[in-house]
Amino acid sequence: MKTLICITAVALAPIFVQPAHAEELKEMTVVEKAIVVLHPTKGNKVEGTLTFTKTGEGLRVMGKVSGLSPGKHGFHIHQYGDTSSPDGTSAGGHFNPTDQPHAGPTEEHRHKGDFGNIEAGADGIAEVDFVDTHIALEGANSILGRGVVVHAKADDLTSQPSGNAGERVAVGVIGVAKN
């Protein structure tokens, strides 16, 4: 019996974290910034990089998307960070953890991932810079590990379930960024 107790104690020893490491682990779990690198879907040339940074007002979304046709393009966070399908459909539908209808980004009741549209100039580049209060980097509204999709057409902000924005021209996965 004595030997068994010693073995159990030794087997459990690695489970306990030393106090010096506990603070490091706590700091590692606080995410202040996320990033997505957009890659073109099959047959497209759209690409870009966006960051999501915590501010006092919400998450600031900033970046640039290039290779677009001039005009408006639907821009959303999608349910999955799965970019395995050539057409981007593996990213699933819009991120909608509270089961709301599709709507514009300023509406109170909307999918958490409804960002509306980005607009490309004649050069095919869309500059993105806005703050959103519906998403987070932790908790039930966390966007970490989810997908970002840019669409071929404008989101009409009303059609259900996704705004009739057309094919997916770029997709990427949101990950933790180096601060």
C-alpha atoms as a PDB file:
ATOM      1  CA  MET A   1       0.000   0.000   0.000  1.00  0.00           C
ATOM      2  CA  LYS A   2       2.837   2.385   0.818  1.00  0.00           C
ATOM      3  CA  THR A   3       4.412   1.950  -2.636  1.00  0.00           C
ATOM      4  CA  LEU A   4       1.105   2.620  -4.361  1.00  0.00           C
ATOM      5  CA  ILE A   5       0.716   5.937  -2.556  1.00  0.00           C
ATOM      6  CA  CYS A   6       4.211   7.024  -3.617  1.00  0.00           C
ATOM      7  CA  ILE A   7       3.528   6.128  -7.254  1.00  0.00           C
ATOM      8  CA  THR A   8       0.274   8.078  -7.233  1.00  0.00           C
ATOM      9  CA  ALA A   9       1.961  11.131  -5.766  1.00  0.00           C
ATOM     10  CA  VAL A  10       4.725  11.002  -8.370  1.00  0.00           C
ATOM     11  CA  ALA A  11       2.212  10.508 -11.184  1.00  0.00           C
ATOM     12  CA  LEU A  12       0.239  13.591 -10.115  1.00  0.00           C
ATOM     13  CA  ALA A  13       3.234  15.848  -9.541  1.00  0.00           C
ATOM     14  CA  PRO A  14       3.479  17.161 -13.135  1.00  0.00           C
ATOM     15  CA  ILE A  15      -0.127  18.426 -12.981  1.00  0.00           C
ATOM     16  CA  PHE A  16       0.730  21.197 -10.533  1.00  0.00           C
ATOM     17  CA  VAL A  17       2.027  24.476 -12.006  1.00  0.00           C
ATOM     18  CA  GLN A  18       4.793  26.231 -10.167  1.00  0.00           C
ATOM     19  CA  PRO A  19       3.743  29.731  -8.961  1.00  0.00           C
ATOM     20  CA  ALA A  20       6.441  31.376 -11.096  1.00  0.00           C
ATOM     21  CA  HIS A  21       4.871  29.881 -14.267  1.00  0.00           C
ATOM     22  CA  ALA A  22       1.269  30.663 -13.325  1.00  0.00           C
ATOM     23  CA  GLU A  23       1.731  34.398 -14.038  1.00  0.00           C
ATOM     24  CA  GLU A  24       3.300  33.656 -17.444  1.00  0.00           C
ATOM     25  CA  LEU A  25       0.370  31.401 -18.375  1.00  0.00           C
ATOM     26  CA  LYS A  26      -2.142  34.060 -17.316  1.00  0.00           C
ATOM     27  CA  GLU A  27      -0.428  36.697 -19.474  1.00  0.00           C
ATOM     28  CA  MET A  28      -0.397  34.349 -22.454  1.00  0.00           C
ATOM     29  CA  THR A  29      -4.187  33.936 -22.366  1.00  0.00           C
ATOM     30  CA  VAL A  30      -4.960  37.678 -22.670  1.00  0.00           C
ATOM     31  CA  VAL A  31      -5.411  38.408 -26.369  1.00  0.00           C
ATOM     32  CA  GLU A  32      -5.297  42.085 -27.326  1.00  0.00           C
ATOM     33  CA  LYS A  33      -4.976  41.735 -31.089  1.00  0.00           C
ATOM     34  CA  ALA A  34      -5.945  39.277 -33.826  1.00  0.00           C
ATOM     35  CA  ILE A  35      -5.028  39.059 -37.515  1.00  0.00           C
ATOM     36  CA  VAL A  36      -6.423  37.523 -40.674  1.00  0.00           C
ATOM     37  CA  VAL A  37      -4.543  37.043 -43.929  1.00  0.00           C
ATOM     38  CA  LEU A  38      -7.028  36.785 -46.796  1.00  0.00           C
ATOM     39  CA  HIS A  39      -6.270  34.416 -49.651  1.00  0.00           C
ATOM     40  CA  PRO A  40      -8.083  34.296 -52.995  1.00  0.00           C
ATOM     41  CA  THR A  41     -10.587  31.561 -53.675  1.00  0.00           C
ATOM     42  CA  LYS A  42     -10.186  29.571 -56.893  1.00  0.00           C
ATOM     43  CA  GLY A  43     -10.164  31.822 -59.972  1.00  0.00           C
ATOM     44  CA  ASN A  44      -9.842  35.086 -58.012  1.00  0.00           C
ATOM     45  CA  LYS A  45      -6.995  37.481 -57.177  1.00  0.00           C
ATOM     46  CA  VAL A  46      -8.322  39.079 -54.010  1.00  0.00           C
ATOM     47  CA  GLU A  47      -5.989  39.189 -50.997  1.00  0.00           C
ATOM     48  CA  GLY A  48      -5.362  41.300 -47.937  1.00  0.00           C
ATOM     49  CA  THR A  49      -4.487  41.543 -44.280  1.00  0.00           C
ATOM     50  CA  LEU A  50      -6.715  42.842 -41.488  1.00  0.00           C
ATOM     51  CA  THR A  51      -6.181  43.281 -37.766  1.00  0.00           C
ATOM     52  CA  PHE A  52      -8.690  43.263 -34.923  1.00  0.00           C
ATOM     53  CA  THR A  53      -7.446  45.307 -31.956  1.00  0.00           C
ATOM     54  CA  LYS A  54      -9.121  45.840 -28.571  1.00  0.00           C
ATOM     55  CA  THR A  55     -10.033  49.458 -27.843  1.00  0.00           C
ATOM     56  CA  GLY A  56     -12.185  51.103 -25.182  1.00  0.00           C
ATOM     57  CA  GLU A  57     -15.040  51.297 -27.713  1.00  0.00           C
ATOM     58  CA  GLY A  58     -14.876  47.745 -29.109  1.00  0.00           C
ATOM     59  CA  LEU A  59     -12.723  45.907 -31.661  1.00  0.00           C
ATOM     60  CA  ARG A  60     -11.047  48.110 -34.241  1.00  0.00           C
ATOM     61  CA  VAL A  61     -10.896  46.412 -37.634  1.00  0.00           C
ATOM     62  CA  MET A  62      -8.148  47.792 -39.881  1.00  0.00           C
ATOM     63  CA  GLY A  63      -6.413  46.760 -43.042  1.00  0.00           C
ATOM     64  CA  LYS A  64      -6.389  46.613 -46.782  1.00  0.00           C
ATOM     65  CA  VAL A  65      -7.933  44.289 -49.358  1.00  0.00           C
ATOM     66  CA  SER A  66      -6.686  44.328 -52.965  1.00  0.00           C
ATOM     67  CA  GLY A  67      -7.581  42.679 -56.259  1.00  0.00           C
ATOM     68  CA  LEU A  68     -11.258  43.642 -56.053  1.00  0.00           C
ATOM     69  CA  SER A  69     -13.451  44.988 -58.825  1.00  0.00           C
ATOM     70  CA  PRO A  70     -14.320  48.663 -58.161  1.00  0.00           C
ATOM     71  CA  GLY A  71     -17.376  49.102 -55.947  1.00  0.00           C
ATOM     72  CA  LYS A  72     -18.906  47.490 -52.875  1.00  0.00           C
ATOM     73  CA  HIS A  73     -18.240  43.948 -51.677  1.00  0.00           C
ATOM     74  CA  GLY A  74     -19.886  41.994 -48.869  1.00  0.00           C
ATOM     75  CA  PHE A  75     -17.537  41.565 -45.924  1.00  0.00           C
ATOM     76  CA  HIS A  76     -18.347  39.178 -43.070  1.00  0.00           C
ATOM     77  CA  ILE A  77     -17.039  36.997 -40.295  1.00  0.00           C
ATOM     78  CA  HIS A  78     -18.101  33.428 -40.979  1.00  0.00           C
ATOM     79  CA  GLN A  79     -18.767  30.569 -38.599  1.00  0.00           C
ATOM     80  CA  TYR A  80     -15.700  28.442 -39.316  1.00  0.00           C
ATOM     81  CA  GLY A  81     -12.022  29.056 -39.852  1.00  0.00           C
ATOM     82  CA  ASP A  82     -12.052  26.328 -42.469  1.00  0.00           C
ATOM     83  CA  THR A  83     -10.514  27.393 -45.781  1.00  0.00           C
ATOM     84  CA  SER A  84     -10.209  23.902 -47.240  1.00  0.00           C
ATOM     85  CA  SER A  85     -12.737  24.272 -50.058  1.00  0.00           C
ATOM     86  CA  PRO A  86     -11.580  26.067 -53.240  1.00  0.00           C
ATOM     87  CA  ASP A  87     -14.709  28.263 -53.278  1.00  0.00           C
ATOM     88  CA  GLY A  88     -14.593  29.236 -49.574  1.00  0.00           C
ATOM     89  CA  THR A  89     -17.882  27.535 -48.685  1.00  0.00           C
ATOM     90  CA  SER A  90     -16.177  25.453 -45.982  1.00  0.00           C
ATOM     91  CA  ALA A  91     -16.155  28.657 -43.865  1.00  0.00           C
ATOM     92  CA  GLY A  92     -19.898  28.088 -43.359  1.00  0.00           C
ATOM     93  CA  GLY A  93     -22.475  30.832 -42.899  1.00  0.00           C
ATOM     94  CA  HIS A  94     -22.175  34.146 -41.106  1.00  0.00           C
ATOM     95  CA  PHE A  95     -21.052  34.029 -37.469  1.00  0.00           C
ATOM     96  CA  ASN A  96     -24.399  34.210 -35.645  1.00  0.00           C
ATOM     97  CA  PRO A  97     -24.202  32.819 -32.084  1.00  0.00           C
ATOM     98  CA  THR A  98     -27.355  34.683 -30.949  1.00  0.00           C
ATOM     99  CA  ASP A  99     -29.573  33.522 -33.843  1.00  0.00           C
ATOM    100  CA  GLN A 100     -30.380  36.990 -35.200  1.00  0.00           C
ATOM    101  CA  PRO A 101     -31.516  37.940 -38.721  1.00  0.00           C
ATOM    102  CA  HIS A 102     -29.029  39.185 -41.311  1.00  0.00           C
ATOM    103  CA  ALA A 103     -28.787  42.994 -41.275  1.00  0.00           C
ATOM    104  CA  GLY A 104     -26.432  45.926 -41.698  1.00  0.00           C
ATOM    105  CA  PRO A 105     -23.527  46.564 -39.335  1.00  0.00           C
ATOM    106  CA  THR A 106     -25.272  49.439 -37.510  1.00  0.00           C
ATOM    107  CA  GLU A 107     -28.395  47.428 -36.659  1.00  0.00           C
ATOM    108  CA  GLU A 108     -28.886  46.284 -33.076  1.00  0.00           C
ATOM    109  CA  HIS A 109     -30.263  42.882 -34.123  1.00  0.00           C
ATOM    110  CA  ARG A 110     -27.866  41.304 -36.614  1.00  0.00           C
ATOM    111  CA  HIS A 111     -25.471  38.449 -37.064  1.00  0.00           C
ATOM    112  CA  LYS A 112     -22.330  39.156 -35.031  1.00  0.00           C
ATOM    113  CA  GLY A 113     -20.403  38.681 -38.290  1.00  0.00           C
ATOM    114  CA  ASP A 114     -22.434  41.188 -40.347  1.00  0.00           C
ATOM    115  CA  PHE A 115     -19.954  43.879 -41.350  1.00  0.00           C
ATOM    116  CA  GLY A 116     -21.860  45.089 -44.407  1.00  0.00           C
ATOM    117  CA  ASN A 117     -19.604  46.166 -47.260  1.00  0.00           C
ATOM    118  CA  ILE A 118     -16.135  47.370 -48.037  1.00  0.00           C
ATOM    119  CA  GLU A 119     -15.648  49.595 -51.065  1.00  0.00           C
ATOM    120  CA  ALA A 120     -12.832  49.267 -53.565  1.00  0.00           C
ATOM    121  CA  GLY A 121     -11.659  52.222 -55.597  1.00  0.00           C
ATOM    122  CA  ALA A 122     -10.721  52.192 -59.281  1.00  0.00           C
ATOM    123  CA  ASP A 123      -7.388  50.624 -58.240  1.00  0.00           C
ATOM    124  CA  GLY A 124      -9.199  47.591 -56.756  1.00  0.00           C
ATOM    125  CA  ILE A 125      -8.119  48.412 -53.202  1.00  0.00           C
ATOM    126  CA  ALA A 126     -10.454  48.757 -50.220  1.00  0.00           C
ATOM    127  CA  GLU A 127      -9.164  50.424 -47.058  1.00  0.00           C
ATOM    128  CA  VAL A 128     -10.867  49.091 -43.927  1.00  0.00           C
ATOM    129  CA  ASP A 129     -11.045  50.992 -40.630  1.00  0.00           C
ATOM    130  CA  PHE A 130     -14.002  50.776 -38.249  1.00  0.00           C
ATOM    131  CA  VAL A 131     -14.883  49.754 -34.678  1.00  0.00           C
ATOM    132  CA  ASP A 132     -17.410  47.005 -33.986  1.00  0.00           C
ATOM    133  CA  THR A 133     -19.090  46.409 -30.623  1.00  0.00           C
ATOM    134  CA  HIS A 134     -20.753  43.066 -31.424  1.00  0.00           C
ATOM    135  CA  ILE A 135     -17.590  40.928 -31.549  1.00  0.00           C
ATOM    136  CA  ALA A 136     -14.824  40.097 -29.088  1.00  0.00           C
ATOM    137  CA  LEU A 137     -11.544  38.244 -28.752  1.00  0.00           C
ATOM    138  CA  GLU A 138     -12.887  36.080 -25.897  1.00  0.00           C
ATOM    139  CA  GLY A 139     -16.150  34.638 -24.662  1.00  0.00           C
ATOM    140  CA  ALA A 140     -19.294  33.702 -26.588  1.00  0.00           C
ATOM    141  CA  ASN A 141     -18.722  36.401 -29.226  1.00  0.00           C
ATOM    142  CA  SER A 142     -15.078  35.517 -29.826  1.00  0.00           C
ATOM    143  CA  ILE A 143     -13.974  35.646 -33.437  1.00  0.00           C
ATOM    144  CA  LEU A 144     -10.696  33.777 -32.876  1.00  0.00           C
ATOM    145  CA  GLY A 145     -10.462  30.781 -35.173  1.00  0.00           C
ATOM    146  CA  ARG A 146     -13.377  31.934 -37.310  1.00  0.00           C
ATOM    147  CA  GLY A 147     -13.269  32.886 -40.984  1.00  0.00           C
ATOM    148  CA  VAL A 148     -13.384  36.224 -42.781  1.00  0.00           C
ATOM    149  CA  VAL A 149     -14.955  36.249 -46.228  1.00  0.00           C
ATOM    150  CA  VAL A 150     -15.002  38.920 -48.927  1.00  0.00           C
ATOM    151  CA  HIS A 151     -17.744  38.515 -51.527  1.00  0.00           C
ATOM    152  CA  ALA A 152     -17.941  39.356 -55.242  1.00  0.00           C
ATOM    153  CA  LYS A 153     -20.990  41.642 -54.930  1.00  0.00           C
ATOM    154  CA  ALA A 154     -22.402  44.152 -52.475  1.00  0.00           C
ATOM    155  CA  ASP A 155     -24.329  42.909 -49.449  1.00  0.00           C
ATOM    156  CA  ASP A 156     -27.880  44.305 -49.784  1.00  0.00           C
ATOM    157  CA  LEU A 157     -28.098  44.244 -45.948  1.00  0.00           C
ATOM    158  CA  THR A 158     -31.617  42.764 -45.975  1.00  0.00           C
ATOM    159  CA  SER A 159     -31.839  39.460 -47.897  1.00  0.00           C
ATOM    160  CA  GLN A 160     -31.907  36.419 -45.633  1.00  0.00           C
ATOM    161  CA  PRO A 161     -29.839  34.644 -44.634  1.00  0.00           C
ATOM    162  CA  SER A 162     -26.725  36.392 -45.987  1.00  0.00           C
ATOM    163  CA  GLY A 163     -27.362  39.565 -48.008  1.00  0.00           C
ATOM    164  CA  ASN A 164     -27.171  38.133 -51.551  1.00  0.00           C
ATOM    165  CA  ALA A 165     -23.504  39.144 -51.867  1.00  0.00           C
ATOM    166  CA  GLY A 166     -22.505  36.496 -54.378  1.00  0.00           C
ATOM    167  CA  GLU A 167     -19.524  34.177 -54.534  1.00  0.00           C
ATOM    168  CA  ARG A 168     -16.705  34.241 -52.032  1.00  0.00           C
ATOM    169  CA  VAL A 169     -13.622  35.831 -53.601  1.00  0.00           C
ATOM    170  CA  ALA A 170     -11.295  35.687 -50.581  1.00  0.00           C
ATOM    171  CA  VAL A 171     -11.185  33.847 -47.283  1.00  0.00           C
ATOM    172  CA  GLY A 172      -8.912  33.704 -44.244  1.00  0.00           C
ATOM    173  CA  VAL A 173      -8.753  32.481 -40.641  1.00  0.00           C
ATOM    174  CA  ILE A 174      -8.599  34.859 -37.672  1.00  0.00           C
ATOM    175  CA  GLY A 175      -5.686  34.075 -35.383  1.00  0.00           C
ATOM    176  CA  VAL A 176      -3.912  35.580 -32.407  1.00  0.00           C
ATOM    177  CA  ALA A 177      -1.520  38.362 -33.472  1.00  0.00           C
ATOM    178  CA  LYS A 178       1.754  39.340 -31.928  1.00  0.00           C
ATOM    179  CA  ASN A 179       1.041  42.520 -29.940  1.00  0.00           C
END
